[in-house]
Amino acid sequence: MSQAPLAPSDAEARIAVLEASLARANAALAARDLLIETLRGQIARMRRMQFGASSEKLTREIAQLELALEELETESAVPEIGAALPDTPGRLAPVRALPDHLPREEVVHEPASGACTCPDCGGALRRLGQDAHEMLDVLPVHWRVVRNVRPKYSCRTCEKIVQAPAPVKAVARGKATFATLAHVVVSKFDHHLPLYRQSEMMAAQGLDIDRSTLAGWVGQAAA
């Protein structure tokens, strides 16, 4: 059953309500972004004060600010899930290459029909090339890089291109596997290990992952 059209006055009132709601949401986002930048500045200033001095109170204050900052960064990552889908325009964070020194494990995803026969006409397939992307994976106290490789094949008879679908990602546009995501989330919420300390531990193992990146992963996992 179709709805009756809105009267011009009702439509204008509804538009005004939506615009006011949008303005409040934008103001809240701007306030949160400002708070994040303020906390980052305070932490940087306190770290400079801490350098060369041993103050247990200052160390505790820095830790509390770090926790507050990572909570805000985690929260800010949640509404960006939909905007981070493939082929979606918008402001996207640059994707860093994973360190070369990490061991690589190559996983080849062949088409479901196999690499020899075209699923449409039964013709022979010839290899055209491949698509590959790397994701950060973790084993207990052992980091590695899983390289997903999807060979491309072309049918000699009908020229159809056959390739396995891309595996599901744990993080949109990210390089963390489900195991890495689980490790970070469990370490934070079950082992009570703040993200900035996890970042420091990774750095000690030769892996440069910012706290803000970890916060984004946790936010997307929560979503």
N, C-alpha and C. Protein backbone atom coordinates (compact mmCIF):
# COMPACT_ATOMS: atom_id res chain seq x y z
N MET A 1 0.85 -1.19 0.00
CA MET A 1 0.00 0.00 0.00
C MET A 1 0.88 1.24 0.00
N SER A 2 0.72 2.13 -0.99
CA SER A 2 1.58 3.30 -1.12
C SER A 2 1.26 4.34 -0.07
N GLN A 3 2.28 5.07 0.37
CA GLN A 3 2.09 6.11 1.36
C GLN A 3 1.66 7.41 0.69
N ALA A 4 0.82 8.16 1.40
CA ALA A 4 0.37 9.44 0.87
C ALA A 4 1.54 10.42 0.85
N PRO A 5 1.65 11.24 -0.20
CA PRO A 5 2.75 12.20 -0.26
C PRO A 5 2.69 13.20 0.88
N LEU A 6 3.87 13.63 1.33
CA LEU A 6 3.94 14.60 2.41
C LEU A 6 3.56 15.99 1.91
N ALA A 7 2.90 16.72 2.77
CA ALA A 7 2.61 18.11 2.46
C ALA A 7 3.91 18.89 2.48
N PRO A 8 4.00 19.98 1.70
CA PRO A 8 5.25 20.76 1.67
C PRO A 8 5.74 21.20 3.04
N SER A 9 4.79 21.58 3.90
CA SER A 9 5.20 22.02 5.24
C SER A 9 5.78 20.86 6.05
N ASP A 10 5.17 19.65 5.91
CA ASP A 10 5.68 18.48 6.63
C ASP A 10 7.06 18.09 6.10
N ALA A 11 7.23 18.15 4.79
CA ALA A 11 8.52 17.80 4.20
C ALA A 11 9.61 18.76 4.67
N GLU A 12 9.29 20.06 4.71
CA GLU A 12 10.27 21.03 5.17
C GLU A 12 10.63 20.81 6.64
N ALA A 13 9.63 20.45 7.45
CA ALA A 13 9.89 20.20 8.86
C ALA A 13 10.79 18.98 9.04
N ARG A 14 10.52 17.93 8.25
CA ARG A 14 11.34 16.72 8.35
C ARG A 14 12.77 17.00 7.90
N ILE A 15 12.93 17.77 6.83
CA ILE A 15 14.26 18.12 6.35
C ILE A 15 15.01 18.92 7.42
N ALA A 16 14.29 19.85 8.09
CA ALA A 16 14.93 20.64 9.14
C ALA A 16 15.39 19.77 10.29
N VAL A 17 14.58 18.77 10.66
CA VAL A 17 14.97 17.86 11.74
C VAL A 17 16.20 17.06 11.35
N LEU A 18 16.24 16.55 10.10
CA LEU A 18 17.39 15.77 9.64
C LEU A 18 18.65 16.63 9.57
N GLU A 19 18.50 17.86 9.12
CA GLU A 19 19.67 18.75 9.04
C GLU A 19 20.21 19.05 10.44
N ALA A 20 19.30 19.26 11.40
CA ALA A 20 19.75 19.53 12.76
C ALA A 20 20.45 18.32 13.36
N SER A 21 19.91 17.11 13.07
CA SER A 21 20.54 15.89 13.57
C SER A 21 21.92 15.71 12.95
N LEU A 22 22.04 16.01 11.66
CA LEU A 22 23.33 15.89 10.98
C LEU A 22 24.33 16.88 11.55
N ALA A 23 23.87 18.10 11.83
CA ALA A 23 24.76 19.11 12.39
C ALA A 23 25.28 18.68 13.77
N ARG A 24 24.38 18.11 14.60
CA ARG A 24 24.81 17.64 15.92
C ARG A 24 25.82 16.51 15.80
N ALA A 25 25.58 15.59 14.84
CA ALA A 25 26.52 14.48 14.66
C ALA A 25 27.88 14.97 14.19
N ASN A 26 27.87 15.93 13.26
CA ASN A 26 29.15 16.49 12.78
C ASN A 26 29.88 17.22 13.89
N ALA A 27 29.14 17.92 14.73
CA ALA A 27 29.76 18.63 15.85
C ALA A 27 30.37 17.64 16.83
N ALA A 28 29.67 16.53 17.09
CA ALA A 28 30.21 15.53 18.00
C ALA A 28 31.49 14.91 17.44
N LEU A 29 31.50 14.62 16.13
CA LEU A 29 32.70 14.06 15.51
C LEU A 29 33.85 15.05 15.56
N ALA A 30 33.56 16.32 15.31
CA ALA A 30 34.62 17.33 15.35
C ALA A 30 35.18 17.47 16.77
N ALA A 31 34.29 17.40 17.76
CA ALA A 31 34.76 17.49 19.15
C ALA A 31 35.62 16.29 19.51
N ARG A 32 35.25 15.11 19.05
CA ARG A 32 36.04 13.93 19.34
C ARG A 32 37.41 14.01 18.67
N ASP A 33 37.44 14.45 17.41
CA ASP A 33 38.72 14.60 16.71
C ASP A 33 39.61 15.61 17.42
N LEU A 34 39.01 16.71 17.90
CA LEU A 34 39.79 17.71 18.62
C LEU A 34 40.34 17.13 19.92
N LEU A 35 39.53 16.33 20.61
CA LEU A 35 39.99 15.71 21.85
C LEU A 35 41.13 14.74 21.59
N ILE A 36 41.04 13.99 20.50
CA ILE A 36 42.12 13.06 20.14
C ILE A 36 43.42 13.82 19.92
N GLU A 37 43.35 14.90 19.15
CA GLU A 37 44.57 15.68 18.88
C GLU A 37 45.09 16.31 20.16
N THR A 38 44.19 16.75 21.04
CA THR A 38 44.62 17.34 22.31
C THR A 38 45.34 16.31 23.17
N LEU A 39 44.78 15.11 23.25
CA LEU A 39 45.41 14.04 24.04
C LEU A 39 46.78 13.68 23.46
N ARG A 40 46.87 13.61 22.13
CA ARG A 40 48.16 13.30 21.52
C ARG A 40 49.20 14.37 21.90
N GLY A 41 48.79 15.65 21.87
CA GLY A 41 49.71 16.70 22.25
C GLY A 41 50.13 16.62 23.71
N GLN A 42 49.16 16.32 24.59
CA GLN A 42 49.47 16.19 26.01
C GLN A 42 50.43 15.03 26.26
N ILE A 43 50.19 13.91 25.58
CA ILE A 43 51.07 12.75 25.77
C ILE A 43 52.48 13.07 25.29
N ALA A 44 52.58 13.71 24.13
CA ALA A 44 53.91 14.06 23.61
C ALA A 44 54.64 15.00 24.56
N ARG A 45 53.91 15.98 25.11
CA ARG A 45 54.52 16.94 26.04
C ARG A 45 54.97 16.25 27.33
N MET A 46 54.14 15.35 27.86
CA MET A 46 54.48 14.65 29.09
C MET A 46 55.63 13.68 28.88
N ARG A 47 55.71 13.10 27.68
CA ARG A 47 56.85 12.21 27.41
C ARG A 47 58.15 13.00 27.37
N ARG A 48 58.10 14.21 26.86
CA ARG A 48 59.31 15.05 26.87
C ARG A 48 59.68 15.41 28.31
N MET A 49 58.68 15.64 29.15
CA MET A 49 58.94 15.91 30.56
C MET A 49 59.51 14.69 31.25
N GLN A 50 59.05 13.51 30.81
CA GLN A 50 59.47 12.26 31.46
C GLN A 50 60.91 11.91 31.10
N PHE A 51 61.36 12.36 29.94
CA PHE A 51 62.70 12.00 29.48
C PHE A 51 63.74 12.53 30.45
N GLY A 52 64.56 11.62 30.96
CA GLY A 52 65.62 12.00 31.88
C GLY A 52 65.19 12.13 33.32
N ALA A 53 63.90 11.92 33.59
CA ALA A 53 63.42 12.01 34.97
C ALA A 53 62.63 10.76 35.30
N SER A 54 62.73 10.32 36.53
CA SER A 54 62.00 9.13 36.97
C SER A 54 60.87 9.58 37.87
N SER A 55 59.67 9.62 37.33
CA SER A 55 58.50 10.02 38.10
C SER A 55 57.43 8.96 37.90
N GLU A 56 57.16 8.21 38.95
CA GLU A 56 56.14 7.16 38.86
C GLU A 56 54.77 7.77 38.61
N LYS A 57 54.49 8.94 39.22
CA LYS A 57 53.21 9.60 39.02
C LYS A 57 53.04 10.03 37.57
N LEU A 58 54.10 10.61 36.99
CA LEU A 58 54.04 11.04 35.60
C LEU A 58 53.84 9.85 34.67
N THR A 59 54.49 8.74 34.97
CA THR A 59 54.34 7.53 34.15
C THR A 59 52.90 7.03 34.19
N ARG A 60 52.29 7.06 35.38
CA ARG A 60 50.90 6.62 35.50
C ARG A 60 49.96 7.54 34.72
N GLU A 61 50.23 8.86 34.80
CA GLU A 61 49.39 9.81 34.08
C GLU A 61 49.49 9.60 32.58
N ILE A 62 50.70 9.33 32.09
CA ILE A 62 50.88 9.07 30.67
C ILE A 62 50.11 7.81 30.26
N ALA A 63 50.19 6.77 31.09
CA ALA A 63 49.49 5.53 30.80
C ALA A 63 47.99 5.75 30.74
N GLN A 64 47.46 6.56 31.65
CA GLN A 64 46.02 6.84 31.65
C GLN A 64 45.60 7.61 30.41
N LEU A 65 46.43 8.59 30.00
CA LEU A 65 46.13 9.33 28.78
C LEU A 65 46.21 8.44 27.55
N GLU A 66 47.19 7.53 27.53
CA GLU A 66 47.31 6.59 26.42
C GLU A 66 46.06 5.73 26.31
N LEU A 67 45.55 5.26 27.45
CA LEU A 67 44.34 4.44 27.45
C LEU A 67 43.13 5.24 26.94
N ALA A 68 43.00 6.47 27.41
CA ALA A 68 41.89 7.31 26.95
C ALA A 68 41.98 7.57 25.45
N LEU A 69 43.20 7.81 24.96
CA LEU A 69 43.40 8.09 23.54
C LEU A 69 43.07 6.87 22.69
N GLU A 70 43.52 5.70 23.10
CA GLU A 70 43.25 4.52 22.28
C GLU A 70 41.76 4.16 22.27
N GLU A 71 41.05 4.47 23.37
CA GLU A 71 39.62 4.23 23.39
C GLU A 71 38.93 5.14 22.36
N LEU A 72 39.34 6.40 22.30
CA LEU A 72 38.76 7.32 21.32
C LEU A 72 39.10 6.91 19.90
N GLU A 73 40.35 6.48 19.68
CA GLU A 73 40.76 6.06 18.33
C GLU A 73 40.01 4.80 17.92
N THR A 74 39.77 3.89 18.88
CA THR A 74 39.00 2.68 18.59
C THR A 74 37.57 3.03 18.21
N GLU A 75 36.99 3.95 18.98
CA GLU A 75 35.61 4.37 18.71
C GLU A 75 35.50 5.04 17.35
N SER A 76 36.50 5.85 17.00
CA SER A 76 36.45 6.58 15.74
C SER A 76 36.56 5.65 14.54
N ALA A 77 37.12 4.44 14.72
CA ALA A 77 37.26 3.50 13.61
C ALA A 77 35.96 2.79 13.28
N VAL A 78 35.02 2.74 14.23
CA VAL A 78 33.79 1.96 14.03
C VAL A 78 32.94 2.48 12.89
N PRO A 79 32.60 3.80 12.82
CA PRO A 79 31.72 4.25 11.74
C PRO A 79 32.36 4.25 10.37
N GLU A 80 33.69 3.99 10.30
CA GLU A 80 34.36 4.02 9.00
C GLU A 80 34.33 2.67 8.30
N ILE A 81 33.67 1.65 8.91
CA ILE A 81 33.68 0.32 8.31
C ILE A 81 33.04 0.34 6.94
N GLY A 82 31.82 0.92 6.87
CA GLY A 82 31.11 0.93 5.59
C GLY A 82 31.85 1.73 4.54
N ALA A 83 32.52 2.81 4.96
CA ALA A 83 33.23 3.64 3.99
C ALA A 83 34.52 3.01 3.53
N ALA A 84 34.98 1.95 4.19
CA ALA A 84 36.27 1.35 3.84
C ALA A 84 36.12 0.14 2.94
N LEU A 85 34.90 -0.11 2.41
CA LEU A 85 34.72 -1.24 1.51
C LEU A 85 35.45 -0.98 0.20
N PRO A 86 35.83 -2.05 -0.55
CA PRO A 86 36.55 -1.86 -1.81
C PRO A 86 35.76 -1.00 -2.78
N ASP A 87 36.48 -0.21 -3.59
CA ASP A 87 35.91 0.63 -4.63
C ASP A 87 35.02 1.73 -4.06
N THR A 88 35.13 2.05 -2.79
CA THR A 88 34.35 3.13 -2.19
C THR A 88 35.23 4.35 -2.06
N PRO A 89 34.86 5.47 -2.71
CA PRO A 89 35.70 6.66 -2.62
C PRO A 89 35.67 7.25 -1.23
N GLY A 90 36.66 8.07 -0.92
CA GLY A 90 36.70 8.71 0.40
C GLY A 90 38.13 8.77 0.90
N ARG A 91 38.28 9.28 2.10
CA ARG A 91 39.61 9.42 2.69
C ARG A 91 40.04 8.08 3.26
N LEU A 92 41.06 7.46 2.67
CA LEU A 92 41.53 6.15 3.09
C LEU A 92 42.97 6.27 3.58
N ALA A 93 43.25 5.57 4.65
CA ALA A 93 44.60 5.60 5.20
C ALA A 93 45.55 4.84 4.27
N PRO A 94 46.78 5.31 4.11
CA PRO A 94 47.73 4.58 3.26
C PRO A 94 48.04 3.21 3.84
N VAL A 95 48.20 2.24 2.94
CA VAL A 95 48.49 0.87 3.36
C VAL A 95 49.99 0.65 3.27
N ARG A 96 50.62 0.37 4.40
CA ARG A 96 52.07 0.16 4.41
C ARG A 96 52.41 -1.24 3.94
N ALA A 97 53.58 -1.35 3.32
CA ALA A 97 54.10 -2.66 2.97
C ALA A 97 54.56 -3.37 4.24
N LEU A 98 54.37 -4.66 4.29
CA LEU A 98 54.79 -5.44 5.45
C LEU A 98 56.30 -5.66 5.40
N PRO A 99 56.96 -5.75 6.56
CA PRO A 99 58.43 -5.85 6.59
C PRO A 99 58.96 -7.06 5.82
N ASP A 100 60.05 -6.85 5.10
CA ASP A 100 60.63 -7.91 4.28
C ASP A 100 61.25 -9.02 5.13
N HIS A 101 61.65 -8.70 6.38
CA HIS A 101 62.35 -9.70 7.18
C HIS A 101 61.42 -10.77 7.76
N LEU A 102 60.10 -10.55 7.70
CA LEU A 102 59.18 -11.56 8.21
C LEU A 102 59.11 -12.76 7.27
N PRO A 103 59.04 -13.98 7.81
CA PRO A 103 58.90 -15.16 6.94
C PRO A 103 57.59 -15.12 6.18
N ARG A 104 57.60 -15.65 4.98
CA ARG A 104 56.42 -15.67 4.12
C ARG A 104 55.90 -17.10 3.96
N GLU A 105 54.59 -17.24 4.02
CA GLU A 105 53.93 -18.50 3.69
C GLU A 105 52.96 -18.22 2.55
N GLU A 106 53.15 -18.88 1.43
CA GLU A 106 52.32 -18.62 0.25
C GLU A 106 51.16 -19.61 0.20
N VAL A 107 49.95 -19.07 0.11
CA VAL A 107 48.74 -19.89 -0.01
C VAL A 107 48.15 -19.61 -1.38
N VAL A 108 48.05 -20.63 -2.22
CA VAL A 108 47.54 -20.49 -3.58
C VAL A 108 46.07 -20.88 -3.60
N HIS A 109 45.21 -19.99 -4.09
CA HIS A 109 43.77 -20.23 -4.16
C HIS A 109 43.40 -20.53 -5.62
N GLU A 110 43.28 -21.80 -5.95
CA GLU A 110 42.91 -22.20 -7.30
C GLU A 110 41.39 -22.10 -7.49
N PRO A 111 40.91 -21.90 -8.73
CA PRO A 111 39.47 -21.89 -8.98
C PRO A 111 38.83 -23.21 -8.51
N ALA A 112 37.54 -23.12 -8.15
CA ALA A 112 36.84 -24.31 -7.66
C ALA A 112 36.80 -25.41 -8.72
N SER A 113 36.79 -25.02 -9.99
CA SER A 113 36.73 -26.01 -11.06
C SER A 113 38.10 -26.60 -11.40
N GLY A 114 39.15 -26.11 -10.74
CA GLY A 114 40.50 -26.60 -11.03
C GLY A 114 41.22 -25.68 -11.99
N ALA A 115 42.49 -25.98 -12.23
CA ALA A 115 43.34 -25.12 -13.04
C ALA A 115 43.50 -25.63 -14.48
N CYS A 116 42.73 -26.64 -14.86
CA CYS A 116 42.93 -27.26 -16.18
C CYS A 116 41.76 -27.06 -17.12
N THR A 117 40.54 -27.06 -16.60
CA THR A 117 39.37 -27.10 -17.46
C THR A 117 38.47 -25.90 -17.19
N CYS A 118 37.98 -25.26 -18.29
CA CYS A 118 37.08 -24.13 -18.18
C CYS A 118 35.73 -24.61 -17.65
N PRO A 119 35.17 -23.97 -16.62
CA PRO A 119 33.88 -24.42 -16.08
C PRO A 119 32.71 -24.16 -17.02
N ASP A 120 32.87 -23.27 -18.03
CA ASP A 120 31.77 -22.95 -18.93
C ASP A 120 31.71 -23.88 -20.14
N CYS A 121 32.88 -24.07 -20.80
CA CYS A 121 32.86 -24.84 -22.05
C CYS A 121 33.69 -26.10 -22.00
N GLY A 122 34.45 -26.31 -20.93
CA GLY A 122 35.27 -27.51 -20.84
C GLY A 122 36.61 -27.40 -21.53
N GLY A 123 36.92 -26.21 -22.09
CA GLY A 123 38.19 -26.04 -22.78
C GLY A 123 39.37 -25.98 -21.82
N ALA A 124 40.58 -26.09 -22.41
CA ALA A 124 41.79 -26.07 -21.59
C ALA A 124 42.10 -24.64 -21.15
N LEU A 125 42.59 -24.50 -19.93
CA LEU A 125 42.95 -23.19 -19.38
C LEU A 125 44.44 -22.93 -19.56
N ARG A 126 44.79 -21.69 -19.83
CA ARG A 126 46.20 -21.27 -19.83
C ARG A 126 46.37 -20.16 -18.81
N ARG A 127 47.49 -20.14 -18.14
CA ARG A 127 47.73 -19.18 -17.06
C ARG A 127 48.07 -17.81 -17.63
N LEU A 128 47.37 -16.79 -17.12
CA LEU A 128 47.59 -15.42 -17.58
C LEU A 128 48.50 -14.64 -16.64
N GLY A 129 48.42 -14.94 -15.38
CA GLY A 129 49.14 -14.18 -14.36
C GLY A 129 48.53 -14.49 -13.01
N GLN A 130 48.61 -13.57 -12.09
CA GLN A 130 48.04 -13.82 -10.77
C GLN A 130 47.87 -12.50 -10.03
N ASP A 131 46.94 -12.50 -9.08
CA ASP A 131 46.79 -11.40 -8.13
C ASP A 131 47.28 -11.89 -6.77
N ALA A 132 47.98 -11.04 -6.05
CA ALA A 132 48.52 -11.44 -4.75
C ALA A 132 48.44 -10.26 -3.78
N HIS A 133 48.12 -10.53 -2.55
CA HIS A 133 48.18 -9.52 -1.50
C HIS A 133 48.65 -10.19 -0.22
N GLU A 134 49.33 -9.42 0.60
CA GLU A 134 49.91 -9.95 1.83
C GLU A 134 49.14 -9.45 3.04
N MET A 135 48.99 -10.32 4.04
CA MET A 135 48.30 -9.97 5.28
C MET A 135 49.17 -10.40 6.45
N LEU A 136 49.13 -9.60 7.50
CA LEU A 136 49.93 -9.89 8.69
C LEU A 136 49.25 -10.98 9.52
N ASP A 137 49.95 -12.05 9.80
CA ASP A 137 49.43 -13.16 10.59
C ASP A 137 50.33 -13.33 11.81
N VAL A 138 49.83 -14.04 12.82
CA VAL A 138 50.60 -14.20 14.05
C VAL A 138 50.46 -15.61 14.58
N LEU A 139 51.57 -16.14 15.04
CA LEU A 139 51.61 -17.34 15.84
C LEU A 139 52.17 -16.92 17.20
N PRO A 140 51.99 -17.70 18.24
CA PRO A 140 52.51 -17.29 19.55
C PRO A 140 54.00 -16.93 19.48
N VAL A 141 54.30 -15.67 19.77
CA VAL A 141 55.66 -15.12 19.78
C VAL A 141 56.36 -15.39 18.45
N HIS A 142 55.60 -15.35 17.37
CA HIS A 142 56.20 -15.61 16.06
C HIS A 142 55.33 -14.92 15.01
N TRP A 143 55.83 -13.83 14.43
CA TRP A 143 55.09 -13.11 13.40
C TRP A 143 55.50 -13.64 12.03
N ARG A 144 54.55 -13.66 11.13
CA ARG A 144 54.82 -14.10 9.76
C ARG A 144 53.89 -13.35 8.82
N VAL A 145 54.15 -13.44 7.54
CA VAL A 145 53.31 -12.83 6.52
C VAL A 145 52.72 -13.94 5.65
N VAL A 146 51.40 -13.97 5.55
CA VAL A 146 50.71 -14.92 4.68
C VAL A 146 50.44 -14.22 3.34
N ARG A 147 50.98 -14.76 2.27
CA ARG A 147 50.81 -14.18 0.93
C ARG A 147 49.76 -14.98 0.17
N ASN A 148 48.61 -14.38 -0.03
CA ASN A 148 47.53 -15.04 -0.76
C ASN A 148 47.71 -14.81 -2.25
N VAL A 149 47.83 -15.88 -2.99
CA VAL A 149 48.07 -15.82 -4.43
C VAL A 149 46.87 -16.43 -5.16
N ARG A 150 46.34 -15.70 -6.14
CA ARG A 150 45.20 -16.20 -6.93
C ARG A 150 45.59 -16.21 -8.41
N PRO A 151 46.05 -17.35 -8.92
CA PRO A 151 46.43 -17.41 -10.34
C PRO A 151 45.23 -17.11 -11.25
N LYS A 152 45.52 -16.49 -12.38
CA LYS A 152 44.50 -16.24 -13.41
C LYS A 152 44.72 -17.21 -14.57
N TYR A 153 43.64 -17.74 -15.09
CA TYR A 153 43.69 -18.65 -16.22
C TYR A 153 42.74 -18.17 -17.31
N SER A 154 43.13 -18.42 -18.55
CA SER A 154 42.29 -18.05 -19.69
C SER A 154 41.98 -19.30 -20.50
N CYS A 155 40.71 -19.45 -20.87
CA CYS A 155 40.30 -20.61 -21.67
C CYS A 155 40.80 -20.45 -23.10
N ARG A 156 41.43 -21.48 -23.63
CA ARG A 156 41.94 -21.44 -25.01
C ARG A 156 40.81 -21.47 -26.04
N THR A 157 39.64 -21.92 -25.60
CA THR A 157 38.53 -22.06 -26.54
C THR A 157 37.65 -20.81 -26.57
N CYS A 158 37.20 -20.36 -25.39
CA CYS A 158 36.24 -19.24 -25.35
C CYS A 158 36.83 -17.98 -24.74
N GLU A 159 38.11 -18.00 -24.35
CA GLU A 159 38.80 -16.84 -23.79
C GLU A 159 38.25 -16.40 -22.43
N LYS A 160 37.45 -17.25 -21.76
CA LYS A 160 36.96 -16.90 -20.42
C LYS A 160 38.14 -16.88 -19.45
N ILE A 161 38.16 -15.88 -18.58
CA ILE A 161 39.19 -15.77 -17.54
C ILE A 161 38.64 -16.38 -16.25
N VAL A 162 39.39 -17.32 -15.68
CA VAL A 162 38.97 -18.05 -14.49
C VAL A 162 39.95 -17.77 -13.36
N GLN A 163 39.40 -17.44 -12.21
CA GLN A 163 40.24 -17.13 -11.04
C GLN A 163 39.44 -17.38 -9.78
N ALA A 164 40.10 -17.85 -8.72
CA ALA A 164 39.44 -18.06 -7.43
C ALA A 164 39.04 -16.71 -6.84
N PRO A 165 37.92 -16.66 -6.11
CA PRO A 165 37.54 -15.39 -5.47
C PRO A 165 38.53 -15.01 -4.38
N ALA A 166 38.63 -13.71 -4.12
CA ALA A 166 39.53 -13.23 -3.08
C ALA A 166 39.04 -13.71 -1.71
N PRO A 167 39.96 -14.19 -0.85
CA PRO A 167 39.53 -14.64 0.48
C PRO A 167 39.00 -13.47 1.31
N VAL A 168 38.14 -13.78 2.26
CA VAL A 168 37.54 -12.77 3.12
C VAL A 168 38.61 -12.14 4.01
N LYS A 169 38.56 -10.82 4.14
CA LYS A 169 39.51 -10.11 4.99
C LYS A 169 38.91 -9.87 6.37
N ALA A 170 39.77 -9.96 7.37
CA ALA A 170 39.32 -9.68 8.74
C ALA A 170 39.13 -8.18 8.94
N VAL A 171 39.94 -7.37 8.27
CA VAL A 171 39.88 -5.92 8.42
C VAL A 171 39.81 -5.31 7.03
N ALA A 172 38.85 -4.44 6.81
CA ALA A 172 38.71 -3.79 5.51
C ALA A 172 39.97 -3.01 5.17
N ARG A 173 40.52 -3.28 4.00
CA ARG A 173 41.74 -2.61 3.52
C ARG A 173 42.93 -2.78 4.46
N GLY A 174 42.85 -3.72 5.37
CA GLY A 174 43.93 -3.91 6.32
C GLY A 174 44.77 -5.13 6.00
N LYS A 175 45.86 -5.28 6.75
CA LYS A 175 46.78 -6.39 6.53
C LYS A 175 46.80 -7.35 7.71
N ALA A 176 45.76 -7.34 8.52
CA ALA A 176 45.69 -8.23 9.67
C ALA A 176 44.80 -9.43 9.35
N THR A 177 45.29 -10.63 9.64
CA THR A 177 44.45 -11.81 9.49
C THR A 177 43.52 -11.93 10.70
N PHE A 178 42.61 -12.90 10.65
CA PHE A 178 41.72 -13.12 11.78
C PHE A 178 42.52 -13.48 13.03
N ALA A 179 43.61 -14.24 12.85
CA ALA A 179 44.44 -14.62 14.00
C ALA A 179 45.11 -13.40 14.62
N THR A 180 45.60 -12.48 13.77
CA THR A 180 46.21 -11.26 14.29
C THR A 180 45.19 -10.41 15.04
N LEU A 181 44.00 -10.28 14.45
CA LEU A 181 42.94 -9.50 15.09
C LEU A 181 42.56 -10.10 16.44
N ALA A 182 42.42 -11.42 16.49
CA ALA A 182 42.07 -12.09 17.74
C ALA A 182 43.16 -11.88 18.79
N HIS A 183 44.42 -11.96 18.35
CA HIS A 183 45.54 -11.77 19.27
C HIS A 183 45.51 -10.38 19.91
N VAL A 184 45.29 -9.35 19.09
CA VAL A 184 45.28 -7.97 19.60
C VAL A 184 44.10 -7.76 20.55
N VAL A 185 42.92 -8.24 20.16
CA VAL A 185 41.72 -8.02 20.97
C VAL A 185 41.81 -8.78 22.30
N VAL A 186 42.26 -10.04 22.25
CA VAL A 186 42.39 -10.83 23.48
C VAL A 186 43.45 -10.23 24.39
N SER A 187 44.56 -9.78 23.80
CA SER A 187 45.62 -9.18 24.61
C SER A 187 45.13 -7.92 25.32
N LYS A 188 44.27 -7.15 24.63
CA LYS A 188 43.78 -5.89 25.22
C LYS A 188 42.73 -6.15 26.29
N PHE A 189 41.71 -6.95 25.97
CA PHE A 189 40.56 -7.06 26.87
C PHE A 189 40.67 -8.21 27.86
N ASP A 190 41.40 -9.25 27.53
CA ASP A 190 41.52 -10.39 28.45
C ASP A 190 42.82 -10.33 29.24
N HIS A 191 43.91 -9.98 28.56
CA HIS A 191 45.21 -9.89 29.24
C HIS A 191 45.48 -8.48 29.76
N HIS A 192 44.55 -7.53 29.49
CA HIS A 192 44.67 -6.15 29.99
C HIS A 192 45.99 -5.51 29.54
N LEU A 193 46.35 -5.74 28.29
CA LEU A 193 47.57 -5.18 27.73
C LEU A 193 47.17 -4.03 26.80
N PRO A 194 47.41 -2.78 27.19
CA PRO A 194 47.00 -1.64 26.36
C PRO A 194 47.63 -1.69 24.98
N LEU A 195 46.96 -1.04 24.04
CA LEU A 195 47.43 -1.09 22.65
C LEU A 195 48.79 -0.44 22.49
N TYR A 196 49.07 0.62 23.24
CA TYR A 196 50.38 1.26 23.08
C TYR A 196 51.50 0.34 23.55
N ARG A 197 51.20 -0.50 24.56
CA ARG A 197 52.22 -1.46 25.00
C ARG A 197 52.36 -2.59 23.98
N GLN A 198 51.24 -3.00 23.38
CA GLN A 198 51.34 -4.01 22.32
C GLN A 198 52.18 -3.48 21.16
N SER A 199 51.98 -2.19 20.83
CA SER A 199 52.76 -1.58 19.76
C SER A 199 54.25 -1.58 20.10
N GLU A 200 54.56 -1.27 21.35
CA GLU A 200 55.96 -1.28 21.79
C GLU A 200 56.56 -2.68 21.72
N MET A 201 55.77 -3.70 22.10
CA MET A 201 56.26 -5.08 22.04
C MET A 201 56.50 -5.50 20.60
N MET A 202 55.59 -5.10 19.69
CA MET A 202 55.79 -5.41 18.27
C MET A 202 57.05 -4.74 17.73
N ALA A 203 57.26 -3.48 18.15
CA ALA A 203 58.45 -2.75 17.69
C ALA A 203 59.72 -3.45 18.14
N ALA A 204 59.69 -4.03 19.36
CA ALA A 204 60.86 -4.76 19.84
C ALA A 204 61.13 -6.01 19.01
N GLN A 205 60.11 -6.50 18.29
CA GLN A 205 60.27 -7.67 17.42
C GLN A 205 60.49 -7.25 15.97
N GLY A 206 60.73 -5.96 15.73
CA GLY A 206 61.01 -5.49 14.38
C GLY A 206 59.78 -5.22 13.55
N LEU A 207 58.62 -5.03 14.20
CA LEU A 207 57.36 -4.83 13.48
C LEU A 207 56.80 -3.48 13.88
N ASP A 208 56.75 -2.54 12.94
CA ASP A 208 56.32 -1.17 13.23
C ASP A 208 54.82 -1.03 12.95
N ILE A 209 54.01 -1.22 13.98
CA ILE A 209 52.55 -1.06 13.88
C ILE A 209 52.14 0.01 14.89
N ASP A 210 51.62 1.12 14.42
CA ASP A 210 51.23 2.22 15.30
C ASP A 210 50.07 1.83 16.20
N ARG A 211 49.99 2.49 17.35
CA ARG A 211 48.87 2.27 18.26
C ARG A 211 47.55 2.63 17.58
N SER A 212 47.55 3.72 16.78
CA SER A 212 46.32 4.13 16.11
C SER A 212 45.84 3.06 15.13
N THR A 213 46.79 2.36 14.49
CA THR A 213 46.41 1.26 13.60
C THR A 213 45.77 0.12 14.39
N LEU A 214 46.36 -0.23 15.53
CA LEU A 214 45.79 -1.26 16.38
C LEU A 214 44.40 -0.85 16.87
N ALA A 215 44.24 0.43 17.21
CA ALA A 215 42.94 0.91 17.66
C ALA A 215 41.89 0.78 16.56
N GLY A 216 42.30 1.04 15.31
CA GLY A 216 41.38 0.85 14.20
C GLY A 216 40.97 -0.60 14.03
N TRP A 217 41.92 -1.50 14.20
CA TRP A 217 41.60 -2.93 14.11
C TRP A 217 40.60 -3.33 15.19
N VAL A 218 40.83 -2.86 16.42
CA VAL A 218 39.93 -3.20 17.53
C VAL A 218 38.54 -2.62 17.28
N GLY A 219 38.48 -1.38 16.76
CA GLY A 219 37.20 -0.78 16.46
C GLY A 219 36.42 -1.55 15.42
N GLN A 220 37.10 -2.01 14.38
CA GLN A 220 36.43 -2.78 13.33
C GLN A 220 36.02 -4.16 13.85
N ALA A 221 36.83 -4.74 14.73
CA ALA A 221 36.45 -6.02 15.32
C ALA A 221 35.19 -5.86 16.16
N ALA A 222 35.09 -4.73 16.89
CA ALA A 222 33.90 -4.48 17.69
C ALA A 222 32.66 -4.34 16.80
N ALA A 223 32.85 -3.70 15.64
CA ALA A 223 31.72 -3.53 14.72
C ALA A 223 31.29 -4.86 14.14
